[in-house]
Amino acid sequence: MKKKALLKILAKFISLINMASKAFIDTSAWIAYYLSDDRHHIKIKNLLKGLIVNKATICTSNDVIDETVTRLIYTTHSRFVKKFIAFISESIKGGNLVQFWVDDQVQLEAFDLSVKFLEHKLSMTDCTTLVLLKRFSIDSLVSMDSDFTKVGVNTLP
């Protein structure tokens, strides 16, 4: 019984990876990917590998990178922060990662979402992410953050 359930979950996971043409990586996923002792590390690492193999466009935002670096500064050793910054910089320079910049219009739309979803206590970074998902027709959000599901956005994994 357990084996069948596991195979069913795995098949669903693989089909979600195959459907994604653009995947937006959120802070919680970057942290899980980058820190090997994170409880979601293996899951996120395998998911990102699958997205890359299936030639999905991997993207994030300057707000997410800012939030990730800030969390790493406060929760890890400085060597991890330096390595993450080098990793992100090289990924952007090498064309392996698309970084969307939050402009004035995205920020204004995010303010509106912040007020609309006030009871869910979304961060401004989460709100700018929601705006960018819609603006760029991004079909997959890789996040361990349950706040997105509260506002009707499905996440991977």
C-alpha atoms as a PDB file:
ATOM      1  CA  MET A   1       0.000   0.000   0.000  1.00  0.00           C
ATOM      2  CA  LYS A   2       2.724   2.474   0.937  1.00  0.00           C
ATOM      3  CA  LYS A   3       4.688   1.667  -2.225  1.00  0.00           C
ATOM      4  CA  LYS A   4       1.654   2.329  -4.452  1.00  0.00           C
ATOM      5  CA  ALA A   5       0.951   5.638  -2.702  1.00  0.00           C
ATOM      6  CA  LEU A   6       4.583   6.674  -3.049  1.00  0.00           C
ATOM      7  CA  LEU A   7       4.625   5.783  -6.749  1.00  0.00           C
ATOM      8  CA  LYS A   8       1.420   7.778  -7.285  1.00  0.00           C
ATOM      9  CA  ILE A   9       2.946  10.837  -5.580  1.00  0.00           C
ATOM     10  CA  LEU A  10       6.152  10.432  -7.580  1.00  0.00           C
ATOM     11  CA  ALA A  11       4.218  10.187 -10.865  1.00  0.00           C
ATOM     12  CA  LYS A  12       2.289  13.370 -10.028  1.00  0.00           C
ATOM     13  CA  PHE A  13       5.545  15.138  -9.110  1.00  0.00           C
ATOM     14  CA  ILE A  14       7.168  14.130 -12.427  1.00  0.00           C
ATOM     15  CA  SER A  15       4.129  15.222 -14.444  1.00  0.00           C
ATOM     16  CA  LEU A  16       4.189  18.640 -12.731  1.00  0.00           C
ATOM     17  CA  ILE A  17       7.860  19.047 -13.630  1.00  0.00           C
ATOM     18  CA  ASN A  18       7.140  18.080 -17.243  1.00  0.00           C
ATOM     19  CA  MET A  19       4.352  20.677 -17.516  1.00  0.00           C
ATOM     20  CA  ALA A  20       6.409  23.606 -16.267  1.00  0.00           C
ATOM     21  CA  SER A  21       7.837  25.878 -18.948  1.00  0.00           C
ATOM     22  CA  LYS A  22       8.683  28.705 -16.531  1.00  0.00           C
ATOM     23  CA  ALA A  23       9.410  28.189 -12.859  1.00  0.00           C
ATOM     24  CA  PHE A  24       9.752  31.000 -10.330  1.00  0.00           C
ATOM     25  CA  ILE A  25      11.961  30.158  -7.346  1.00  0.00           C
ATOM     26  CA  ASP A  26      10.914  31.662  -4.011  1.00  0.00           C
ATOM     27  CA  THR A  27      13.076  32.379  -0.963  1.00  0.00           C
ATOM     28  CA  SER A  28      12.118  29.215   0.922  1.00  0.00           C
ATOM     29  CA  ALA A  29      13.106  27.092  -2.075  1.00  0.00           C
ATOM     30  CA  TRP A  30      16.463  28.874  -2.521  1.00  0.00           C
ATOM     31  CA  ILE A  31      17.261  28.290   1.133  1.00  0.00           C
ATOM     32  CA  ALA A  32      16.213  24.636   0.958  1.00  0.00           C
ATOM     33  CA  TYR A  33      18.250  24.162  -2.227  1.00  0.00           C
ATOM     34  CA  TYR A  34      21.330  25.876  -0.940  1.00  0.00           C
ATOM     35  CA  LEU A  35      21.530  24.581   2.641  1.00  0.00           C
ATOM     36  CA  SER A  36      22.157  20.832   2.659  1.00  0.00           C
ATOM     37  CA  ASP A  37      20.888  20.474   6.232  1.00  0.00           C
ATOM     38  CA  ASP A  38      17.459  21.925   5.362  1.00  0.00           C
ATOM     39  CA  ARG A  39      14.734  19.285   5.689  1.00  0.00           C
ATOM     40  CA  HIS A  40      13.507  20.030   2.136  1.00  0.00           C
ATOM     41  CA  HIS A  41      16.966  20.100   0.532  1.00  0.00           C
ATOM     42  CA  ILE A  42      16.806  16.803  -1.385  1.00  0.00           C
ATOM     43  CA  LYS A  43      13.232  17.416  -2.571  1.00  0.00           C
ATOM     44  CA  ILE A  44      14.021  20.909  -3.891  1.00  0.00           C
ATOM     45  CA  LYS A  45      17.361  19.862  -5.374  1.00  0.00           C
ATOM     46  CA  ASN A  46      15.672  17.045  -7.326  1.00  0.00           C
ATOM     47  CA  LEU A  47      12.835  19.315  -8.400  1.00  0.00           C
ATOM     48  CA  LEU A  48      15.225  21.955  -9.753  1.00  0.00           C
ATOM     49  CA  LYS A  49      17.258  19.286 -11.557  1.00  0.00           C
ATOM     50  CA  GLY A  50      14.040  18.034 -13.159  1.00  0.00           C
ATOM     51  CA  LEU A  51      13.054  21.536 -14.248  1.00  0.00           C
ATOM     52  CA  ILE A  52      16.493  22.091 -15.794  1.00  0.00           C
ATOM     53  CA  VAL A  53      16.436  18.726 -17.606  1.00  0.00           C
ATOM     54  CA  ASN A  54      13.014  19.644 -19.017  1.00  0.00           C
ATOM     55  CA  LYS A  55      14.427  22.996 -20.153  1.00  0.00           C
ATOM     56  CA  ALA A  56      12.109  25.101 -18.015  1.00  0.00           C
ATOM     57  CA  THR A  57      13.077  28.756 -17.693  1.00  0.00           C
ATOM     58  CA  ILE A  58      14.219  29.258 -14.092  1.00  0.00           C
ATOM     59  CA  CYS A  59      13.475  32.710 -12.723  1.00  0.00           C
ATOM     60  CA  THR A  60      13.303  34.714  -9.537  1.00  0.00           C
ATOM     61  CA  SER A  61      13.208  38.395  -8.573  1.00  0.00           C
ATOM     62  CA  ASN A  62      15.517  40.929  -7.037  1.00  0.00           C
ATOM     63  CA  ASP A  63      13.146  41.025  -4.036  1.00  0.00           C
ATOM     64  CA  VAL A  64      13.453  37.255  -3.533  1.00  0.00           C
ATOM     65  CA  ILE A  65      17.244  37.407  -3.813  1.00  0.00           C
ATOM     66  CA  ASP A  66      17.301  40.283  -1.314  1.00  0.00           C
ATOM     67  CA  GLU A  67      15.088  38.346   1.102  1.00  0.00           C
ATOM     68  CA  THR A  68      17.161  35.161   0.695  1.00  0.00           C
ATOM     69  CA  VAL A  69      20.480  36.902   1.308  1.00  0.00           C
ATOM     70  CA  THR A  70      19.029  38.660   4.356  1.00  0.00           C
ATOM     71  CA  ARG A  71      17.764  35.382   5.830  1.00  0.00           C
ATOM     72  CA  LEU A  72      21.109  33.708   5.185  1.00  0.00           C
ATOM     73  CA  ILE A  73      22.933  36.596   6.886  1.00  0.00           C
ATOM     74  CA  TYR A  74      20.823  36.158  10.016  1.00  0.00           C
ATOM     75  CA  THR A  75      20.708  32.346  10.101  1.00  0.00           C
ATOM     76  CA  THR A  76      23.978  30.987   8.674  1.00  0.00           C
ATOM     77  CA  HIS A  77      27.703  31.538   8.568  1.00  0.00           C
ATOM     78  CA  SER A  78      29.108  34.283   6.323  1.00  0.00           C
ATOM     79  CA  ARG A  79      30.758  31.708   4.033  1.00  0.00           C
ATOM     80  CA  PHE A  80      27.274  30.462   3.019  1.00  0.00           C
ATOM     81  CA  VAL A  81      26.175  33.999   2.234  1.00  0.00           C
ATOM     82  CA  LYS A  82      29.236  34.571   0.052  1.00  0.00           C
ATOM     83  CA  LYS A  83      28.765  31.257  -1.751  1.00  0.00           C
ATOM     84  CA  PHE A  84      25.062  31.945  -2.373  1.00  0.00           C
ATOM     85  CA  ILE A  85      25.796  35.405  -3.767  1.00  0.00           C
ATOM     86  CA  ALA A  86      28.494  33.951  -6.040  1.00  0.00           C
ATOM     87  CA  PHE A  87      26.127  31.171  -7.156  1.00  0.00           C
ATOM     88  CA  ILE A  88      23.286  33.590  -7.991  1.00  0.00           C
ATOM     89  CA  SER A  89      25.640  36.052  -9.716  1.00  0.00           C
ATOM     90  CA  GLU A  90      27.148  33.329 -11.908  1.00  0.00           C
ATOM     91  CA  SER A  91      23.721  31.880 -12.697  1.00  0.00           C
ATOM     92  CA  ILE A  92      22.462  35.271 -13.883  1.00  0.00           C
ATOM     93  CA  LYS A  93      25.644  36.071 -15.840  1.00  0.00           C
ATOM     94  CA  GLY A  94      25.620  32.620 -17.425  1.00  0.00           C
ATOM     95  CA  GLY A  95      22.000  32.942 -18.520  1.00  0.00           C
ATOM     96  CA  ASN A  96      20.858  30.042 -16.342  1.00  0.00           C
ATOM     97  CA  LEU A  97      18.657  32.250 -14.171  1.00  0.00           C
ATOM     98  CA  VAL A  98      16.329  35.059 -15.197  1.00  0.00           C
ATOM     99  CA  GLN A  99      16.034  37.786 -12.575  1.00  0.00           C
ATOM    100  CA  PHE A 100      12.934  39.971 -12.787  1.00  0.00           C
ATOM    101  CA  TRP A 101      13.266  43.438 -11.311  1.00  0.00           C
ATOM    102  CA  VAL A 102      10.465  44.917  -9.270  1.00  0.00           C
ATOM    103  CA  ASP A 103       9.650  48.245 -10.879  1.00  0.00           C
ATOM    104  CA  ASP A 104       7.288  50.984  -9.700  1.00  0.00           C
ATOM    105  CA  GLN A 105       4.245  49.397 -11.364  1.00  0.00           C
ATOM    106  CA  VAL A 106       4.907  45.966  -9.845  1.00  0.00           C
ATOM    107  CA  GLN A 107       5.381  47.611  -6.452  1.00  0.00           C
ATOM    108  CA  LEU A 108       2.082  49.509  -6.741  1.00  0.00           C
ATOM    109  CA  GLU A 109       0.214  46.350  -7.741  1.00  0.00           C
ATOM    110  CA  ALA A 110       1.867  44.522  -4.833  1.00  0.00           C
ATOM    111  CA  PHE A 111       0.646  47.231  -2.442  1.00  0.00           C
ATOM    112  CA  ASP A 112      -2.909  46.553  -3.677  1.00  0.00           C
ATOM    113  CA  LEU A 113      -2.474  42.801  -3.122  1.00  0.00           C
ATOM    114  CA  SER A 114      -1.020  43.436   0.310  1.00  0.00           C
ATOM    115  CA  VAL A 115      -4.209  45.253   1.301  1.00  0.00           C
ATOM    116  CA  LYS A 116      -6.461  42.724  -0.475  1.00  0.00           C
ATOM    117  CA  PHE A 117      -4.862  39.776   1.337  1.00  0.00           C
ATOM    118  CA  LEU A 118      -4.181  41.558   4.635  1.00  0.00           C
ATOM    119  CA  GLU A 119      -5.767  38.778   6.694  1.00  0.00           C
ATOM    120  CA  HIS A 120      -3.202  36.316   5.266  1.00  0.00           C
ATOM    121  CA  LYS A 121      -0.243  38.498   6.322  1.00  0.00           C
ATOM    122  CA  LEU A 122       1.679  38.100   3.067  1.00  0.00           C
ATOM    123  CA  SER A 123       5.092  39.694   2.924  1.00  0.00           C
ATOM    124  CA  MET A 124       5.687  42.392   0.328  1.00  0.00           C
ATOM    125  CA  THR A 125       8.080  40.008  -1.404  1.00  0.00           C
ATOM    126  CA  ASP A 126       5.267  37.448  -1.652  1.00  0.00           C
ATOM    127  CA  CYS A 127       3.001  40.135  -3.123  1.00  0.00           C
ATOM    128  CA  THR A 128       5.577  41.225  -5.705  1.00  0.00           C
ATOM    129  CA  THR A 129       6.030  37.551  -6.577  1.00  0.00           C
ATOM    130  CA  LEU A 130       2.291  37.193  -7.204  1.00  0.00           C
ATOM    131  CA  VAL A 131       2.356  40.218  -9.516  1.00  0.00           C
ATOM    132  CA  LEU A 132       5.364  38.851 -11.438  1.00  0.00           C
ATOM    133  CA  LEU A 133       3.765  35.401 -11.818  1.00  0.00           C
ATOM    134  CA  LYS A 134       0.780  37.001 -13.512  1.00  0.00           C
ATOM    135  CA  ARG A 135       2.717  39.581 -15.534  1.00  0.00           C
ATOM    136  CA  PHE A 136       5.088  37.031 -17.075  1.00  0.00           C
ATOM    137  CA  SER A 137       2.622  34.106 -17.293  1.00  0.00           C
ATOM    138  CA  ILE A 138       4.766  31.920 -15.065  1.00  0.00           C
ATOM    139  CA  ASP A 139       3.118  28.545 -14.636  1.00  0.00           C
ATOM    140  CA  SER A 140       5.046  27.149 -11.666  1.00  0.00           C
ATOM    141  CA  LEU A 141       6.052  28.562  -8.310  1.00  0.00           C
ATOM    142  CA  VAL A 142       8.678  26.594  -6.380  1.00  0.00           C
ATOM    143  CA  SER A 143       8.139  27.407  -2.724  1.00  0.00           C
ATOM    144  CA  MET A 144       7.811  25.777   0.663  1.00  0.00           C
ATOM    145  CA  ASP A 145       5.806  28.822   1.820  1.00  0.00           C
ATOM    146  CA  SER A 146       2.193  27.932   2.647  1.00  0.00           C
ATOM    147  CA  ASP A 147       1.143  31.585   2.376  1.00  0.00           C
ATOM    148  CA  PHE A 148       0.779  31.225  -1.393  1.00  0.00           C
ATOM    149  CA  THR A 149      -1.757  28.415  -1.128  1.00  0.00           C
ATOM    150  CA  LYS A 150      -3.842  30.604   1.201  1.00  0.00           C
ATOM    151  CA  VAL A 151      -4.427  32.975  -1.721  1.00  0.00           C
ATOM    152  CA  GLY A 152      -5.078  30.267  -4.303  1.00  0.00           C
ATOM    153  CA  VAL A 153      -1.615  29.821  -5.836  1.00  0.00           C
ATOM    154  CA  ASN A 154      -0.403  26.251  -6.212  1.00  0.00           C
ATOM    155  CA  THR A 155       3.244  25.598  -5.475  1.00  0.00           C
ATOM    156  CA  LEU A 156       5.772  22.925  -6.304  1.00  0.00           C
ATOM    157  CA  PRO A 157       6.622  20.566  -4.767  1.00  0.00           C
END
